[in-house]
Amino acid sequence: VKYPDRTLKIGDSWEEKRELQNADPTSGLQIAQTTGIRYKVKDFEE
């Protein structure tokens, strides 16, 4: 997880996008995939 550069508190949220490009060796097609990830702080434990 890539955490934001700040002190977190319960309820804080942030998003990131990850892009993946790959080639399918059987068909030769280029595959592009974008994943959006949303994180929300639920709680803290010691």
ModelCIF file with pLDDT and N, C-alpha, C, O atoms, coordinates in Angstrom:
data_MODEL
#
_entry.id   MODEL 
#
_entity.id                         1 
_entity.type                       polymer 
_entity.pdbx_number_of_molecules   1 
#
_entity_poly.entity_id                      1 
_entity_poly.type                           'polypeptide(L)' 
_entity_poly.nstd_linkage                   no 
_entity_poly.nstd_monomer                   no 
_entity_poly.pdbx_seq_one_letter_code       VKYPDRTLKIGDSWEEKRELQNADPTSGLQIAQTTGIRYKVKDFEE 
_entity_poly.pdbx_seq_one_letter_code_can   VKYPDRTLKIGDSWEEKRELQNADPTSGLQIAQTTGIRYKVKDFEE 
_entity_poly.pdbx_strand_id                 A 
#
loop_
_entity_poly_seq.entity_id 
_entity_poly_seq.num 
_entity_poly_seq.mon_id 
_entity_poly_seq.hetero 
1 1  VAL n 
1 2  LYS n 
1 3  TYR n 
1 4  PRO n 
1 5  ASP n 
1 6  ARG n 
1 7  THR n 
1 8  LEU n 
1 9  LYS n 
1 10 ILE n 
1 11 GLY n 
1 12 ASP n 
1 13 SER n 
1 14 TRP n 
1 15 GLU n 
1 16 GLU n 
1 17 LYS n 
1 18 ARG n 
1 19 GLU n 
1 20 LEU n 
1 21 GLN n 
1 22 ASN n 
1 23 ALA n 
1 24 ASP n 
1 25 PRO n 
1 26 THR n 
1 27 SER n 
1 28 GLY n 
1 29 LEU n 
1 30 GLN n 
1 31 ILE n 
1 32 ALA n 
1 33 GLN n 
1 34 THR n 
1 35 THR n 
1 36 GLY n 
1 37 ILE n 
1 38 ARG n 
1 39 TYR n 
1 40 LYS n 
1 41 VAL n 
1 42 LYS n 
1 43 ASP n 
1 44 PHE n 
1 45 GLU n 
1 46 GLU n 
#
_struct_asym.id          A 
_struct_asym.entity_id   1 
#
loop_
_ma_qa_metric.id 
_ma_qa_metric.mode 
_ma_qa_metric.name 
_ma_qa_metric.software_group_id 
_ma_qa_metric.type 
1 global pLDDT . pLDDT 
2 local  pLDDT . pLDDT 
#
_ma_qa_metric_global.metric_id      1 
_ma_qa_metric_global.metric_value   88.41 
_ma_qa_metric_global.model_id       1 
_ma_qa_metric_global.ordinal_id     1 
#
loop_
_ma_qa_metric_local.label_asym_id 
_ma_qa_metric_local.label_comp_id 
_ma_qa_metric_local.label_seq_id 
_ma_qa_metric_local.metric_id 
_ma_qa_metric_local.metric_value 
_ma_qa_metric_local.model_id 
_ma_qa_metric_local.ordinal_id 
A VAL 1  2 88.00 1 1  
A LYS 2  2 88.00 1 2  
A TYR 3  2 91.00 1 3  
A PRO 4  2 93.00 1 4  
A ASP 5  2 94.00 1 5  
A ARG 6  2 94.00 1 6  
A THR 7  2 93.00 1 7  
A LEU 8  2 93.00 1 8  
A LYS 9  2 95.00 1 9  
A ILE 10 2 96.00 1 10 
A GLY 11 2 97.00 1 11 
A ASP 12 2 97.00 1 12 
A SER 13 2 97.00 1 13 
A TRP 14 2 96.00 1 14 
A GLU 15 2 95.00 1 15 
A GLU 16 2 92.00 1 16 
A LYS 17 2 90.00 1 17 
A ARG 18 2 84.00 1 18 
A GLU 19 2 82.00 1 19 
A LEU 20 2 78.00 1 20 
A GLN 21 2 77.00 1 21 
A ASN 22 2 74.00 1 22 
A ALA 23 2 74.00 1 23 
A ASP 24 2 72.00 1 24 
A PRO 25 2 75.00 1 25 
A THR 26 2 80.00 1 26 
A SER 27 2 78.00 1 27 
A GLY 28 2 77.00 1 28 
A LEU 29 2 82.00 1 29 
A GLN 30 2 82.00 1 30 
A ILE 31 2 79.00 1 31 
A ALA 32 2 84.00 1 32 
A GLN 33 2 84.00 1 33 
A THR 34 2 89.00 1 34 
A THR 35 2 88.00 1 35 
A GLY 36 2 93.00 1 36 
A ILE 37 2 93.00 1 37 
A ARG 38 2 96.00 1 38 
A TYR 39 2 96.00 1 39 
A LYS 40 2 97.00 1 40 
A VAL 41 2 97.00 1 41 
A LYS 42 2 96.00 1 42 
A ASP 43 2 95.00 1 43 
A PHE 44 2 94.00 1 44 
A GLU 45 2 92.00 1 45 
A GLU 46 2 90.00 1 46 
#
loop_
_atom_site.group_PDB 
_atom_site.id 
_atom_site.type_symbol 
_atom_site.label_atom_id 
_atom_site.label_alt_id 
_atom_site.label_comp_id 
_atom_site.label_asym_id 
_atom_site.label_entity_id 
_atom_site.label_seq_id 
_atom_site.pdbx_PDB_ins_code 
_atom_site.Cartn_x 
_atom_site.Cartn_y 
_atom_site.Cartn_z 
_atom_site.occupancy 
_atom_site.B_iso_or_equiv 
_atom_site.pdbx_formal_charge 
_atom_site.auth_seq_id 
_atom_site.auth_comp_id 
_atom_site.auth_asym_id 
_atom_site.auth_atom_id 
_atom_site.pdbx_PDB_model_num 
ATOM 1   N N  . VAL A 1 1  ? 0.856   -1.178  0.000   1.00 88.00 ? 1  VAL A N  1 
ATOM 2   C CA . VAL A 1 1  ? 0.000   0.000   0.000   1.00 88.00 ? 1  VAL A CA 1 
ATOM 3   C C  . VAL A 1 1  ? 0.897   1.235   0.000   1.00 88.00 ? 1  VAL A C  1 
ATOM 4   O O  . VAL A 1 1  ? 1.867   1.306   0.754   1.00 88.00 ? 1  VAL A O  1 
ATOM 5   N N  . LYS A 1 2  ? 0.568   2.200   -0.846  1.00 88.00 ? 2  LYS A N  1 
ATOM 6   C CA . LYS A 1 2  ? 1.302   3.462   -0.863  1.00 88.00 ? 2  LYS A CA 1 
ATOM 7   C C  . LYS A 1 2  ? 0.526   4.454   -0.009  1.00 88.00 ? 2  LYS A C  1 
ATOM 8   O O  . LYS A 1 2  ? -0.523  4.955   -0.415  1.00 88.00 ? 2  LYS A O  1 
ATOM 9   N N  . TYR A 1 3  ? 1.059   4.735   1.191   1.00 91.00 ? 3  TYR A N  1 
ATOM 10  C CA . TYR A 1 3  ? 0.395   5.628   2.122   1.00 91.00 ? 3  TYR A CA 1 
ATOM 11  C C  . TYR A 1 3  ? 0.694   7.080   1.771   1.00 91.00 ? 3  TYR A C  1 
ATOM 12  O O  . TYR A 1 3  ? 1.780   7.388   1.280   1.00 91.00 ? 3  TYR A O  1 
ATOM 13  N N  . PRO A 1 4  ? -0.273  7.984   2.021   1.00 93.00 ? 4  PRO A N  1 
ATOM 14  C CA . PRO A 1 4  ? -0.007  9.404   1.792   1.00 93.00 ? 4  PRO A CA 1 
ATOM 15  C C  . PRO A 1 4  ? 1.003   9.926   2.809   1.00 93.00 ? 4  PRO A C  1 
ATOM 16  O O  . PRO A 1 4  ? 1.168   9.352   3.885   1.00 93.00 ? 4  PRO A O  1 
ATOM 17  N N  . ASP A 1 5  ? 1.664   11.000  2.462   1.00 94.00 ? 5  ASP A N  1 
ATOM 18  C CA . ASP A 1 5  ? 2.709   11.583  3.307   1.00 94.00 ? 5  ASP A CA 1 
ATOM 19  C C  . ASP A 1 5  ? 2.090   12.568  4.301   1.00 94.00 ? 5  ASP A C  1 
ATOM 20  O O  . ASP A 1 5  ? 2.343   13.772  4.249   1.00 94.00 ? 5  ASP A O  1 
ATOM 21  N N  . ARG A 1 6  ? 1.275   12.027  5.201   1.00 94.00 ? 6  ARG A N  1 
ATOM 22  C CA . ARG A 1 6  ? 0.648   12.829  6.246   1.00 94.00 ? 6  ARG A CA 1 
ATOM 23  C C  . ARG A 1 6  ? 0.217   11.891  7.370   1.00 94.00 ? 6  ARG A C  1 
ATOM 24  O O  . ARG A 1 6  ? 0.157   10.675  7.185   1.00 94.00 ? 6  ARG A O  1 
ATOM 25  N N  . THR A 1 7  ? -0.079  12.458  8.526   1.00 93.00 ? 7  THR A N  1 
ATOM 26  C CA . THR A 1 7  ? -0.585  11.677  9.644   1.00 93.00 ? 7  THR A CA 1 
ATOM 27  C C  . THR A 1 7  ? -2.019  11.250  9.337   1.00 93.00 ? 7  THR A C  1 
ATOM 28  O O  . THR A 1 7  ? -2.850  12.079  8.965   1.00 93.00 ? 7  THR A O  1 
ATOM 29  N N  . LEU A 1 8  ? -2.304  9.972   9.492   1.00 93.00 ? 8  LEU A N  1 
ATOM 30  C CA . LEU A 1 8  ? -3.630  9.452   9.186   1.00 93.00 ? 8  LEU A CA 1 
ATOM 31  C C  . LEU A 1 8  ? -4.512  9.416   10.418  1.00 93.00 ? 8  LEU A C  1 
ATOM 32  O O  . LEU A 1 8  ? -4.034  9.236   11.537  1.00 93.00 ? 8  LEU A O  1 
ATOM 33  N N  . LYS A 1 9  ? -5.816  9.593   10.196  1.00 95.00 ? 9  LYS A N  1 
ATOM 34  C CA . LYS A 1 9  ? -6.797  9.441   11.260  1.00 95.00 ? 9  LYS A CA 1 
ATOM 35  C C  . LYS A 1 9  ? -7.967  8.618   10.720  1.00 95.00 ? 9  LYS A C  1 
ATOM 36  O O  . LYS A 1 9  ? -8.110  8.462   9.507   1.00 95.00 ? 9  LYS A O  1 
ATOM 37  N N  . ILE A 1 10 ? -8.798  8.094   11.614  1.00 96.00 ? 10 ILE A N  1 
ATOM 38  C CA . ILE A 1 10 ? -9.934  7.282   11.197  1.00 96.00 ? 10 ILE A CA 1 
ATOM 39  C C  . ILE A 1 10 ? -10.830 8.109   10.274  1.00 96.00 ? 10 ILE A C  1 
ATOM 40  O O  . ILE A 1 10 ? -11.147 9.262   10.566  1.00 96.00 ? 10 ILE A O  1 
ATOM 41  N N  . GLY A 1 11 ? -11.230 7.502   9.161   1.00 97.00 ? 11 GLY A N  1 
ATOM 42  C CA . GLY A 1 11 ? -12.080 8.171   8.178   1.00 97.00 ? 11 GLY A CA 1 
ATOM 43  C C  . GLY A 1 11 ? -11.315 8.758   7.007   1.00 97.00 ? 11 GLY A C  1 
ATOM 44  O O  . GLY A 1 11 ? -11.918 9.051   5.975   1.00 97.00 ? 11 GLY A O  1 
ATOM 45  N N  . ASP A 1 12 ? -9.989  8.941   7.133   1.00 97.00 ? 12 ASP A N  1 
ATOM 46  C CA . ASP A 1 12 ? -9.191  9.451   6.011   1.00 97.00 ? 12 ASP A CA 1 
ATOM 47  C C  . ASP A 1 12 ? -9.253  8.468   4.848   1.00 97.00 ? 12 ASP A C  1 
ATOM 48  O O  . ASP A 1 12 ? -9.328  7.256   5.045   1.00 97.00 ? 12 ASP A O  1 
ATOM 49  N N  . SER A 1 13 ? -9.220  9.010   3.638   1.00 97.00 ? 13 SER A N  1 
ATOM 50  C CA . SER A 1 13 ? -9.200  8.142   2.460   1.00 97.00 ? 13 SER A CA 1 
ATOM 51  C C  . SER A 1 13 ? -8.300  8.757   1.396   1.00 97.00 ? 13 SER A C  1 
ATOM 52  O O  . SER A 1 13 ? -8.039  9.960   1.397   1.00 97.00 ? 13 SER A O  1 
ATOM 53  N N  . TRP A 1 14 ? -7.838  7.913   0.497   1.00 96.00 ? 14 TRP A N  1 
ATOM 54  C CA . TRP A 1 14 ? -7.027  8.346   -0.636  1.00 96.00 ? 14 TRP A CA 1 
ATOM 55  C C  . TRP A 1 14 ? -7.164  7.311   -1.737  1.00 96.00 ? 14 TRP A C  1 
ATOM 56  O O  . TRP A 1 14 ? -7.587  6.180   -1.500  1.00 96.00 ? 14 TRP A O  1 
ATOM 57  N N  . GLU A 1 15 ? -6.799  7.716   -2.943  1.00 95.00 ? 15 GLU A N  1 
ATOM 58  C CA . GLU A 1 15 ? -6.930  6.842   -4.106  1.00 95.00 ? 15 GLU A CA 1 
ATOM 59  C C  . GLU A 1 15 ? -5.612  6.782   -4.859  1.00 95.00 ? 15 GLU A C  1 
ATOM 60  O O  . GLU A 1 15 ? -4.774  7.680   -4.773  1.00 95.00 ? 15 GLU A O  1 
ATOM 61  N N  . GLU A 1 16 ? -5.459  5.704   -5.591  1.00 92.00 ? 16 GLU A N  1 
ATOM 62  C CA . GLU A 1 16 ? -4.323  5.596   -6.505  1.00 92.00 ? 16 GLU A CA 1 
ATOM 63  C C  . GLU A 1 16 ? -4.751  4.790   -7.715  1.00 92.00 ? 16 GLU A C  1 
ATOM 64  O O  . GLU A 1 16 ? -5.691  3.997   -7.654  1.00 92.00 ? 16 GLU A O  1 
ATOM 65  N N  . LYS A 1 17 ? -4.061  5.000   -8.794  1.00 90.00 ? 17 LYS A N  1 
ATOM 66  C CA . LYS A 1 17 ? -4.302  4.238   -10.020 1.00 90.00 ? 17 LYS A CA 1 
ATOM 67  C C  . LYS A 1 17 ? -3.037  3.477   -10.366 1.00 90.00 ? 17 LYS A C  1 
ATOM 68  O O  . LYS A 1 17 ? -1.925  3.996   -10.265 1.00 90.00 ? 17 LYS A O  1 
ATOM 69  N N  . ARG A 1 18 ? -3.234  2.243   -10.773 1.00 84.00 ? 18 ARG A N  1 
ATOM 70  C CA . ARG A 1 18 ? -2.112  1.416   -11.223 1.00 84.00 ? 18 ARG A CA 1 
ATOM 71  C C  . ARG A 1 18 ? -2.404  0.947   -12.635 1.00 84.00 ? 18 ARG A C  1 
ATOM 72  O O  . ARG A 1 18 ? -3.474  0.410   -12.922 1.00 84.00 ? 18 ARG A O  1 
ATOM 73  N N  . GLU A 1 19 ? -1.444  1.156   -13.501 1.00 82.00 ? 19 GLU A N  1 
ATOM 74  C CA . GLU A 1 19 ? -1.617  0.756   -14.897 1.00 82.00 ? 19 GLU A CA 1 
ATOM 75  C C  . GLU A 1 19 ? -0.695  -0.398  -15.220 1.00 82.00 ? 19 GLU A C  1 
ATOM 76  O O  . GLU A 1 19 ? 0.468   -0.420  -14.819 1.00 82.00 ? 19 GLU A O  1 
ATOM 77  N N  . LEU A 1 20 ? -1.232  -1.350  -15.948 1.00 78.00 ? 20 LEU A N  1 
ATOM 78  C CA . LEU A 1 20 ? -0.477  -2.534  -16.331 1.00 78.00 ? 20 LEU A CA 1 
ATOM 79  C C  . LEU A 1 20 ? -0.644  -2.748  -17.825 1.00 78.00 ? 20 LEU A C  1 
ATOM 80  O O  . LEU A 1 20 ? -1.763  -2.775  -18.338 1.00 78.00 ? 20 LEU A O  1 
ATOM 81  N N  . GLN A 1 21 ? 0.464   -2.897  -18.512 1.00 77.00 ? 21 GLN A N  1 
ATOM 82  C CA . GLN A 1 21 ? 0.419   -3.222  -19.930 1.00 77.00 ? 21 GLN A CA 1 
ATOM 83  C C  . GLN A 1 21 ? 1.181   -4.510  -20.131 1.00 77.00 ? 21 GLN A C  1 
ATOM 84  O O  . GLN A 1 21 ? 2.283   -4.694  -19.613 1.00 77.00 ? 21 GLN A O  1 
ATOM 85  N N  . ASN A 1 22 ? 0.570   -5.396  -20.893 1.00 74.00 ? 22 ASN A N  1 
ATOM 86  C CA . ASN A 1 22 ? 1.156   -6.705  -21.075 1.00 74.00 ? 22 ASN A CA 1 
ATOM 87  C C  . ASN A 1 22 ? 0.788   -7.209  -22.461 1.00 74.00 ? 22 ASN A C  1 
ATOM 88  O O  . ASN A 1 22 ? -0.195  -6.761  -23.052 1.00 74.00 ? 22 ASN A O  1 
ATOM 89  N N  . ALA A 1 23 ? 1.559   -8.118  -22.965 1.00 74.00 ? 23 ALA A N  1 
ATOM 90  C CA . ALA A 1 23 ? 1.259   -8.722  -24.261 1.00 74.00 ? 23 ALA A CA 1 
ATOM 91  C C  . ALA A 1 23 ? 0.822   -10.159 -24.034 1.00 74.00 ? 23 ALA A C  1 
ATOM 92  O O  . ALA A 1 23 ? 1.418   -10.885 -23.237 1.00 74.00 ? 23 ALA A O  1 
ATOM 93  N N  . ASP A 1 24 ? -0.224  -10.560 -24.742 1.00 72.00 ? 24 ASP A N  1 
ATOM 94  C CA . ASP A 1 24 ? -0.695  -11.945 -24.687 1.00 72.00 ? 24 ASP A CA 1 
ATOM 95  C C  . ASP A 1 24 ? 0.124   -12.739 -25.707 1.00 72.00 ? 24 ASP A C  1 
ATOM 96  O O  . ASP A 1 24 ? -0.015  -12.514 -26.910 1.00 72.00 ? 24 ASP A O  1 
ATOM 97  N N  . PRO A 1 25 ? 0.977   -13.665 -25.246 1.00 75.00 ? 25 PRO A N  1 
ATOM 98  C CA . PRO A 1 25 ? 1.868   -14.367 -26.175 1.00 75.00 ? 25 PRO A CA 1 
ATOM 99  C C  . PRO A 1 25 ? 1.132   -15.248 -27.174 1.00 75.00 ? 25 PRO A C  1 
ATOM 100 O O  . PRO A 1 25 ? 1.653   -15.502 -28.260 1.00 75.00 ? 25 PRO A O  1 
ATOM 101 N N  . THR A 1 26 ? -0.061  -15.720 -26.838 1.00 80.00 ? 26 THR A N  1 
ATOM 102 C CA . THR A 1 26 ? -0.768  -16.610 -27.766 1.00 80.00 ? 26 THR A CA 1 
ATOM 103 C C  . THR A 1 26 ? -1.405  -15.852 -28.919 1.00 80.00 ? 26 THR A C  1 
ATOM 104 O O  . THR A 1 26 ? -1.460  -16.367 -30.035 1.00 80.00 ? 26 THR A O  1 
ATOM 105 N N  . SER A 1 27 ? -1.887  -14.637 -28.672 1.00 78.00 ? 27 SER A N  1 
ATOM 106 C CA . SER A 1 27 ? -2.558  -13.882 -29.735 1.00 78.00 ? 27 SER A CA 1 
ATOM 107 C C  . SER A 1 27 ? -1.733  -12.704 -30.237 1.00 78.00 ? 27 SER A C  1 
ATOM 108 O O  . SER A 1 27 ? -1.997  -12.167 -31.313 1.00 78.00 ? 27 SER A O  1 
ATOM 109 N N  . GLY A 1 28 ? -0.735  -12.307 -29.457 1.00 77.00 ? 28 GLY A N  1 
ATOM 110 C CA . GLY A 1 28 ? 0.070   -11.147 -29.842 1.00 77.00 ? 28 GLY A CA 1 
ATOM 111 C C  . GLY A 1 28 ? -0.609  -9.824  -29.529 1.00 77.00 ? 28 GLY A C  1 
ATOM 112 O O  . GLY A 1 28 ? -0.084  -8.764  -29.871 1.00 77.00 ? 28 GLY A O  1 
ATOM 113 N N  . LEU A 1 29 ? -1.774  -9.870  -28.882 1.00 82.00 ? 29 LEU A N  1 
ATOM 114 C CA . LEU A 1 29 ? -2.494  -8.644  -28.551 1.00 82.00 ? 29 LEU A CA 1 
ATOM 115 C C  . LEU A 1 29 ? -1.865  -7.958  -27.347 1.00 82.00 ? 29 LEU A C  1 
ATOM 116 O O  . LEU A 1 29 ? -1.363  -8.609  -26.431 1.00 82.00 ? 29 LEU A O  1 
ATOM 117 N N  . GLN A 1 30 ? -1.903  -6.644  -27.368 1.00 82.00 ? 30 GLN A N  1 
ATOM 118 C CA . GLN A 1 30 ? -1.438  -5.845  -26.242 1.00 82.00 ? 30 GLN A CA 1 
ATOM 119 C C  . GLN A 1 30 ? -2.608  -5.649  -25.277 1.00 82.00 ? 30 GLN A C  1 
ATOM 120 O O  . GLN A 1 30 ? -3.702  -5.274  -25.698 1.00 82.00 ? 30 GLN A O  1 
ATOM 121 N N  . ILE A 1 31 ? -2.388  -5.893  -24.018 1.00 79.00 ? 31 ILE A N  1 
ATOM 122 C CA . ILE A 1 31 ? -3.434  -5.776  -23.011 1.00 79.00 ? 31 ILE A CA 1 
ATOM 123 C C  . ILE A 1 31 ? -3.083  -4.620  -22.082 1.00 79.00 ? 31 ILE A C  1 
ATOM 124 O O  . ILE A 1 31 ? -1.990  -4.578  -21.517 1.00 79.00 ? 31 ILE A O  1 
ATOM 125 N N  . ALA A 1 32 ? -4.020  -3.680  -21.929 1.00 84.00 ? 32 ALA A N  1 
ATOM 126 C CA . ALA A 1 32 ? -3.825  -2.550  -21.021 1.00 84.00 ? 32 ALA A CA 1 
ATOM 127 C C  . ALA A 1 32 ? -4.909  -2.623  -19.953 1.00 84.00 ? 32 ALA A C  1 
ATOM 128 O O  . ALA A 1 32 ? -6.090  -2.779  -20.263 1.00 84.00 ? 32 ALA A O  1 
ATOM 129 N N  . GLN A 1 33 ? -4.505  -2.510  -18.711 1.00 84.00 ? 33 GLN A N  1 
ATOM 130 C CA . GLN A 1 33 ? -5.445  -2.595  -17.600 1.00 84.00 ? 33 GLN A CA 1 
ATOM 131 C C  . GLN A 1 33 ? -5.160  -1.471  -16.619 1.00 84.00 ? 33 GLN A C  1 
ATOM 132 O O  . GLN A 1 33 ? -4.007  -1.236  -16.258 1.00 84.00 ? 33 GLN A O  1 
ATOM 133 N N  . THR A 1 34 ? -6.200  -0.780  -16.190 1.00 89.00 ? 34 THR A N  1 
ATOM 134 C CA . THR A 1 34 ? -6.068  0.255   -15.169 1.00 89.00 ? 34 THR A CA 1 
ATOM 135 C C  . THR A 1 34 ? -6.865  -0.180  -13.947 1.00 89.00 ? 34 THR A C  1 
ATOM 136 O O  . THR A 1 34 ? -8.043  -0.525  -14.050 1.00 89.00 ? 34 THR A O  1 
ATOM 137 N N  . THR A 1 35 ? -6.218  -0.159  -12.806 1.00 88.00 ? 35 THR A N  1 
ATOM 138 C CA . THR A 1 35 ? -6.877  -0.507  -11.555 1.00 88.00 ? 35 THR A CA 1 
ATOM 139 C C  . THR A 1 35 ? -6.932  0.735   -10.678 1.00 88.00 ? 35 THR A C  1 
ATOM 140 O O  . THR A 1 35 ? -5.904  1.343   -10.382 1.00 88.00 ? 35 THR A O  1 
ATOM 141 N N  . GLY A 1 36 ? -8.130  1.103   -10.269 1.00 93.00 ? 36 GLY A N  1 
ATOM 142 C CA . GLY A 1 36 ? -8.313  2.195   -9.324  1.00 93.00 ? 36 GLY A CA 1 
ATOM 143 C C  . GLY A 1 36 ? -8.488  1.602   -7.939  1.00 93.00 ? 36 GLY A C  1 
ATOM 144 O O  . GLY A 1 36 ? -9.300  0.698   -7.744  1.00 93.00 ? 36 GLY A O  1 
ATOM 145 N N  . ILE A 1 37 ? -7.734  2.104   -6.984  1.00 93.00 ? 37 ILE A N  1 
ATOM 146 C CA . ILE A 1 37 ? -7.787  1.580   -5.624  1.00 93.00 ? 37 ILE A CA 1 
ATOM 147 C C  . ILE A 1 37 ? -8.106  2.732   -4.672  1.00 93.00 ? 37 ILE A C  1 
ATOM 148 O O  . ILE A 1 37 ? -7.444  3.770   -4.678  1.00 93.00 ? 37 ILE A O  1 
ATOM 149 N N  . ARG A 1 38 ? -9.138  2.521   -3.854  1.00 96.00 ? 38 ARG A N  1 
ATOM 150 C CA . ARG A 1 38 ? -9.526  3.534   -2.864  1.00 96.00 ? 38 ARG A CA 1 
ATOM 151 C C  . ARG A 1 38 ? -9.325  2.928   -1.480  1.00 96.00 ? 38 ARG A C  1 
ATOM 152 O O  . ARG A 1 38 ? -9.855  1.860   -1.174  1.00 96.00 ? 38 ARG A O  1 
ATOM 153 N N  . TYR A 1 39 ? -8.564  3.616   -0.661  1.00 96.00 ? 39 TYR A N  1 
ATOM 154 C CA . TYR A 1 39 ? -8.281  3.176   0.705   1.00 96.00 ? 39 TYR A CA 1 
ATOM 155 C C  . TYR A 1 39 ? -9.019  4.086   1.681   1.00 96.00 ? 39 TYR A C  1 
ATOM 156 O O  . TYR A 1 39 ? -9.108  5.295   1.465   1.00 96.00 ? 39 TYR A O  1 
ATOM 157 N N  . LYS A 1 40 ? -9.550  3.500   2.761   1.00 97.00 ? 40 LYS A N  1 
ATOM 158 C CA . LYS A 1 40 ? -10.183 4.282   3.823   1.00 97.00 ? 40 LYS A CA 1 
ATOM 159 C C  . LYS A 1 40 ? -9.747  3.705   5.164   1.00 97.00 ? 40 LYS A C  1 
ATOM 160 O O  . LYS A 1 40 ? -9.833  2.498   5.392   1.00 97.00 ? 40 LYS A O  1 
ATOM 161 N N  . VAL A 1 41 ? -9.279  4.579   6.045   1.00 97.00 ? 41 VAL A N  1 
ATOM 162 C CA . VAL A 1 41 ? -8.815  4.141   7.366   1.00 97.00 ? 41 VAL A CA 1 
ATOM 163 C C  . VAL A 1 41 ? -10.033 3.813   8.227   1.00 97.00 ? 41 VAL A C  1 
ATOM 164 O O  . VAL A 1 41 ? -10.866 4.678   8.497   1.00 97.00 ? 41 VAL A O  1 
ATOM 165 N N  . LYS A 1 42 ? -10.126 2.547   8.656   1.00 96.00 ? 42 LYS A N  1 
ATOM 166 C CA . LYS A 1 42 ? -11.239 2.099   9.496   1.00 96.00 ? 42 LYS A CA 1 
ATOM 167 C C  . LYS A 1 42 ? -10.898 2.187   10.981  1.00 96.00 ? 42 LYS A C  1 
ATOM 168 O O  . LYS A 1 42 ? -11.745 2.560   11.793  1.00 96.00 ? 42 LYS A O  1 
ATOM 169 N N  . ASP A 1 43 ? -9.655  1.843   11.340  1.00 95.00 ? 43 ASP A N  1 
ATOM 170 C CA . ASP A 1 43 ? -9.286  1.803   12.751  1.00 95.00 ? 43 ASP A CA 1 
ATOM 171 C C  . ASP A 1 43 ? -7.777  1.636   12.869  1.00 95.00 ? 43 ASP A C  1 
ATOM 172 O O  . ASP A 1 43 ? -7.079  1.422   11.878  1.00 95.00 ? 43 ASP A O  1 
ATOM 173 N N  . PHE A 1 44 ? -7.288  1.737   14.102  1.00 94.00 ? 44 PHE A N  1 
ATOM 174 C CA . PHE A 1 44 ? -5.888  1.486   14.419  1.00 94.00 ? 44 PHE A CA 1 
ATOM 175 C C  . PHE A 1 44 ? -5.827  0.460   15.539  1.00 94.00 ? 44 PHE A C  1 
ATOM 176 O O  . PHE A 1 44 ? -6.700  0.425   16.407  1.00 94.00 ? 44 PHE A O  1 
ATOM 177 N N  . GLU A 1 45 ? -4.801  -0.369  15.517  1.00 92.00 ? 45 GLU A N  1 
ATOM 178 C CA . GLU A 1 45 ? -4.562  -1.323  16.599  1.00 92.00 ? 45 GLU A CA 1 
ATOM 179 C C  . GLU A 1 45 ? -3.099  -1.237  16.984  1.00 92.00 ? 45 GLU A C  1 
ATOM 180 O O  . GLU A 1 45 ? -2.251  -0.879  16.166  1.00 92.00 ? 45 GLU A O  1 
ATOM 181 N N  . GLU A 1 46 ? -2.806  -1.568  18.242  1.00 90.00 ? 46 GLU A N  1 
ATOM 182 C CA . GLU A 1 46 ? -1.420  -1.599  18.698  1.00 90.00 ? 46 GLU A CA 1 
ATOM 183 C C  . GLU A 1 46 ? -0.883  -3.020  18.591  1.00 90.00 ? 46 GLU A C  1 
ATOM 184 O O  . GLU A 1 46 ? 0.274   -3.270  18.928  1.00 90.00 ? 46 GLU A O  1 
#
